[in-house]
Amino acid sequence: MTPRVASPARRRARGRPVKSVALITPGASKVLELLAAEGVIGASPETLIMRHASGDWGELDAHDRAVNERALRHGWRVVSAYHFCGGTVRIWIITDGGTTTILLPEEY
């Protein structure tokens, strides 16, 4: 896997705490608990929020990454998508306004 180079907007975001309330939906909470019980590395809410806040938005395509870059400049919604277990388990994080939510795609 090739390392991702941080864009200027991501570099500006690094080190900034998520300035919002963090919520987790019941479905995402249960899935993350199961992943933790299985010893899946990087599947804790804390780790995912740190990745999201640092500009590591996970498995987004180029278009969605560009949308996030613009969102950082304008204070719009930022989305991250993280895949586990070969892509069969997907977790989203959305920061919109003053709230960051960890959820399953089907809970959107």
C-alpha atoms as a PDB file:
ATOM      1  CA  MET A   1       0.000   0.000   0.000  1.00  0.00           C
ATOM      2  CA  THR A   2       1.353   3.405  -0.959  1.00  0.00           C
ATOM      3  CA  PRO A   3       1.588   6.009   1.781  1.00  0.00           C
ATOM      4  CA  ARG A   4      -0.782   8.931   1.321  1.00  0.00           C
ATOM      5  CA  VAL A   5       0.746  12.377   1.041  1.00  0.00           C
ATOM      6  CA  ALA A   6      -1.075  14.969   3.073  1.00  0.00           C
ATOM      7  CA  SER A   7      -2.547  17.830   1.077  1.00  0.00           C
ATOM      8  CA  PRO A   8      -2.228  21.438   2.295  1.00  0.00           C
ATOM      9  CA  ALA A   9      -5.758  21.364   3.750  1.00  0.00           C
ATOM     10  CA  ARG A  10      -5.019  18.130   5.600  1.00  0.00           C
ATOM     11  CA  ARG A  11      -1.774  19.517   6.968  1.00  0.00           C
ATOM     12  CA  ARG A  12      -3.714  22.506   8.332  1.00  0.00           C
ATOM     13  CA  ALA A  13      -6.206  20.112   9.960  1.00  0.00           C
ATOM     14  CA  ARG A  14      -3.528  18.004  11.666  1.00  0.00           C
ATOM     15  CA  GLY A  15      -3.214  18.459  15.364  1.00  0.00           C
ATOM     16  CA  ARG A  16      -6.564  20.213  15.677  1.00  0.00           C
ATOM     17  CA  PRO A  17      -8.959  18.429  17.993  1.00  0.00           C
ATOM     18  CA  VAL A  18     -12.416  17.625  16.706  1.00  0.00           C
ATOM     19  CA  LYS A  19     -14.238  20.705  17.975  1.00  0.00           C
ATOM     20  CA  SER A  20     -17.596  19.085  18.317  1.00  0.00           C
ATOM     21  CA  VAL A  21     -19.679  16.624  20.227  1.00  0.00           C
ATOM     22  CA  ALA A  22     -18.790  13.032  19.277  1.00  0.00           C
ATOM     23  CA  LEU A  23     -21.645  10.550  19.030  1.00  0.00           C
ATOM     24  CA  ILE A  24     -21.756   6.882  18.094  1.00  0.00           C
ATOM     25  CA  THR A  25     -24.853   5.111  16.828  1.00  0.00           C
ATOM     26  CA  PRO A  26     -25.942   1.839  18.474  1.00  0.00           C
ATOM     27  CA  GLY A  27     -25.091  -0.197  15.365  1.00  0.00           C
ATOM     28  CA  ALA A  28     -21.605   1.269  15.026  1.00  0.00           C
ATOM     29  CA  SER A  29     -20.969   0.824  18.742  1.00  0.00           C
ATOM     30  CA  LYS A  30     -21.876  -2.852  18.560  1.00  0.00           C
ATOM     31  CA  VAL A  31     -19.780  -3.488  15.451  1.00  0.00           C
ATOM     32  CA  LEU A  32     -16.731  -1.718  16.940  1.00  0.00           C
ATOM     33  CA  GLU A  33     -17.106  -3.734  20.160  1.00  0.00           C
ATOM     34  CA  LEU A  34     -17.158  -6.955  18.118  1.00  0.00           C
ATOM     35  CA  LEU A  35     -14.091  -5.871  16.115  1.00  0.00           C
ATOM     36  CA  ALA A  36     -12.252  -5.031  19.356  1.00  0.00           C
ATOM     37  CA  ALA A  37     -13.162  -8.435  20.810  1.00  0.00           C
ATOM     38  CA  GLU A  38     -11.684 -10.033  17.678  1.00  0.00           C
ATOM     39  CA  GLY A  39      -8.492  -8.013  18.129  1.00  0.00           C
ATOM     40  CA  VAL A  40      -8.913  -5.930  14.972  1.00  0.00           C
ATOM     41  CA  ILE A  41      -6.319  -3.161  15.156  1.00  0.00           C
ATOM     42  CA  GLY A  42      -7.446   0.419  14.593  1.00  0.00           C
ATOM     43  CA  ALA A  43     -11.139  -0.207  15.122  1.00  0.00           C
ATOM     44  CA  SER A  44     -11.622   1.804  18.304  1.00  0.00           C
ATOM     45  CA  PRO A  45     -13.784   4.955  18.271  1.00  0.00           C
ATOM     46  CA  GLU A  46     -10.840   6.965  19.593  1.00  0.00           C
ATOM     47  CA  THR A  47      -8.502   5.797  16.825  1.00  0.00           C
ATOM     48  CA  LEU A  48     -11.076   6.438  14.117  1.00  0.00           C
ATOM     49  CA  ILE A  49     -11.837   9.945  15.382  1.00  0.00           C
ATOM     50  CA  MET A  50      -8.109  10.735  15.518  1.00  0.00           C
ATOM     51  CA  ARG A  51      -7.714   9.520  11.918  1.00  0.00           C
ATOM     52  CA  HIS A  52     -10.735  11.543  10.807  1.00  0.00           C
ATOM     53  CA  ALA A  53      -9.559  14.707  12.591  1.00  0.00           C
ATOM     54  CA  SER A  54      -6.047  14.395  11.132  1.00  0.00           C
ATOM     55  CA  GLY A  55      -7.304  14.222   7.538  1.00  0.00           C
ATOM     56  CA  ASP A  56      -6.905  10.454   7.058  1.00  0.00           C
ATOM     57  CA  TRP A  57     -10.358   9.906   5.598  1.00  0.00           C
ATOM     58  CA  GLY A  58      -9.916   6.209   4.908  1.00  0.00           C
ATOM     59  CA  GLU A  59     -11.397   4.637   1.803  1.00  0.00           C
ATOM     60  CA  LEU A  60     -12.688   7.660  -0.115  1.00  0.00           C
ATOM     61  CA  ASP A  61     -12.356   8.105  -3.856  1.00  0.00           C
ATOM     62  CA  ALA A  62     -10.626  11.130  -5.390  1.00  0.00           C
ATOM     63  CA  HIS A  63     -13.876  13.062  -5.797  1.00  0.00           C
ATOM     64  CA  ASP A  64     -14.896  12.650  -2.135  1.00  0.00           C
ATOM     65  CA  ARG A  65     -11.378  13.575  -0.981  1.00  0.00           C
ATOM     66  CA  ALA A  66     -11.600  16.793  -3.032  1.00  0.00           C
ATOM     67  CA  VAL A  67     -15.013  17.517  -1.491  1.00  0.00           C
ATOM     68  CA  ASN A  68     -13.500  17.087   1.996  1.00  0.00           C
ATOM     69  CA  GLU A  69     -10.614  19.414   1.072  1.00  0.00           C
ATOM     70  CA  ARG A  70     -13.124  22.130   0.090  1.00  0.00           C
ATOM     71  CA  ALA A  71     -15.198  21.391   3.189  1.00  0.00           C
ATOM     72  CA  LEU A  72     -12.200  22.064   5.438  1.00  0.00           C
ATOM     73  CA  ARG A  73     -11.720  25.476   3.866  1.00  0.00           C
ATOM     74  CA  HIS A  74     -15.404  26.427   4.157  1.00  0.00           C
ATOM     75  CA  GLY A  75     -16.548  24.719   7.366  1.00  0.00           C
ATOM     76  CA  TRP A  76     -18.810  22.234   5.578  1.00  0.00           C
ATOM     77  CA  ARG A  77     -19.517  18.576   6.342  1.00  0.00           C
ATOM     78  CA  VAL A  78     -16.494  16.219   6.316  1.00  0.00           C
ATOM     79  CA  VAL A  79     -16.929  12.484   5.747  1.00  0.00           C
ATOM     80  CA  SER A  80     -14.585   9.547   6.365  1.00  0.00           C
ATOM     81  CA  ALA A  81     -15.112   5.886   5.487  1.00  0.00           C
ATOM     82  CA  TYR A  82     -13.084   3.098   7.071  1.00  0.00           C
ATOM     83  CA  HIS A  83     -13.201  -0.538   5.971  1.00  0.00           C
ATOM     84  CA  PHE A  84     -12.340  -3.584   8.043  1.00  0.00           C
ATOM     85  CA  CYS A  85     -12.355  -7.341   7.464  1.00  0.00           C
ATOM     86  CA  GLY A  86     -11.543  -7.072   3.767  1.00  0.00           C
ATOM     87  CA  GLY A  87     -14.136  -4.366   3.193  1.00  0.00           C
ATOM     88  CA  THR A  88     -17.067  -6.347   4.578  1.00  0.00           C
ATOM     89  CA  VAL A  89     -17.340  -4.053   7.610  1.00  0.00           C
ATOM     90  CA  ARG A  90     -17.675  -0.337   6.892  1.00  0.00           C
ATOM     91  CA  ILE A  91     -17.716   2.513   9.392  1.00  0.00           C
ATOM     92  CA  TRP A  92     -18.435   6.128   8.499  1.00  0.00           C
ATOM     93  CA  ILE A  93     -17.581   9.261  10.444  1.00  0.00           C
ATOM     94  CA  ILE A  94     -19.362  12.493   9.589  1.00  0.00           C
ATOM     95  CA  THR A  95     -18.578  15.883  11.096  1.00  0.00           C
ATOM     96  CA  ASP A  96     -21.292  18.400  10.350  1.00  0.00           C
ATOM     97  CA  GLY A  97     -21.633  21.612  12.291  1.00  0.00           C
ATOM     98  CA  GLY A  98     -20.885  20.914  15.924  1.00  0.00           C
ATOM     99  CA  THR A  99     -21.363  17.155  15.826  1.00  0.00           C
ATOM    100  CA  THR A 100     -19.134  14.244  14.811  1.00  0.00           C
ATOM    101  CA  THR A 101     -20.979  10.953  14.424  1.00  0.00           C
ATOM    102  CA  ILE A 102     -19.594   7.426  14.034  1.00  0.00           C
ATOM    103  CA  LEU A 103     -22.134   5.284  12.196  1.00  0.00           C
ATOM    104  CA  LEU A 104     -22.723   2.390   9.846  1.00  0.00           C
ATOM    105  CA  PRO A 105     -23.607   3.370   6.260  1.00  0.00           C
ATOM    106  CA  GLU A 106     -27.036   1.770   6.649  1.00  0.00           C
ATOM    107  CA  GLU A 107     -27.710   4.032   9.651  1.00  0.00           C
ATOM    108  CA  TYR A 108     -27.299   7.195   7.551  1.00  0.00           C
END
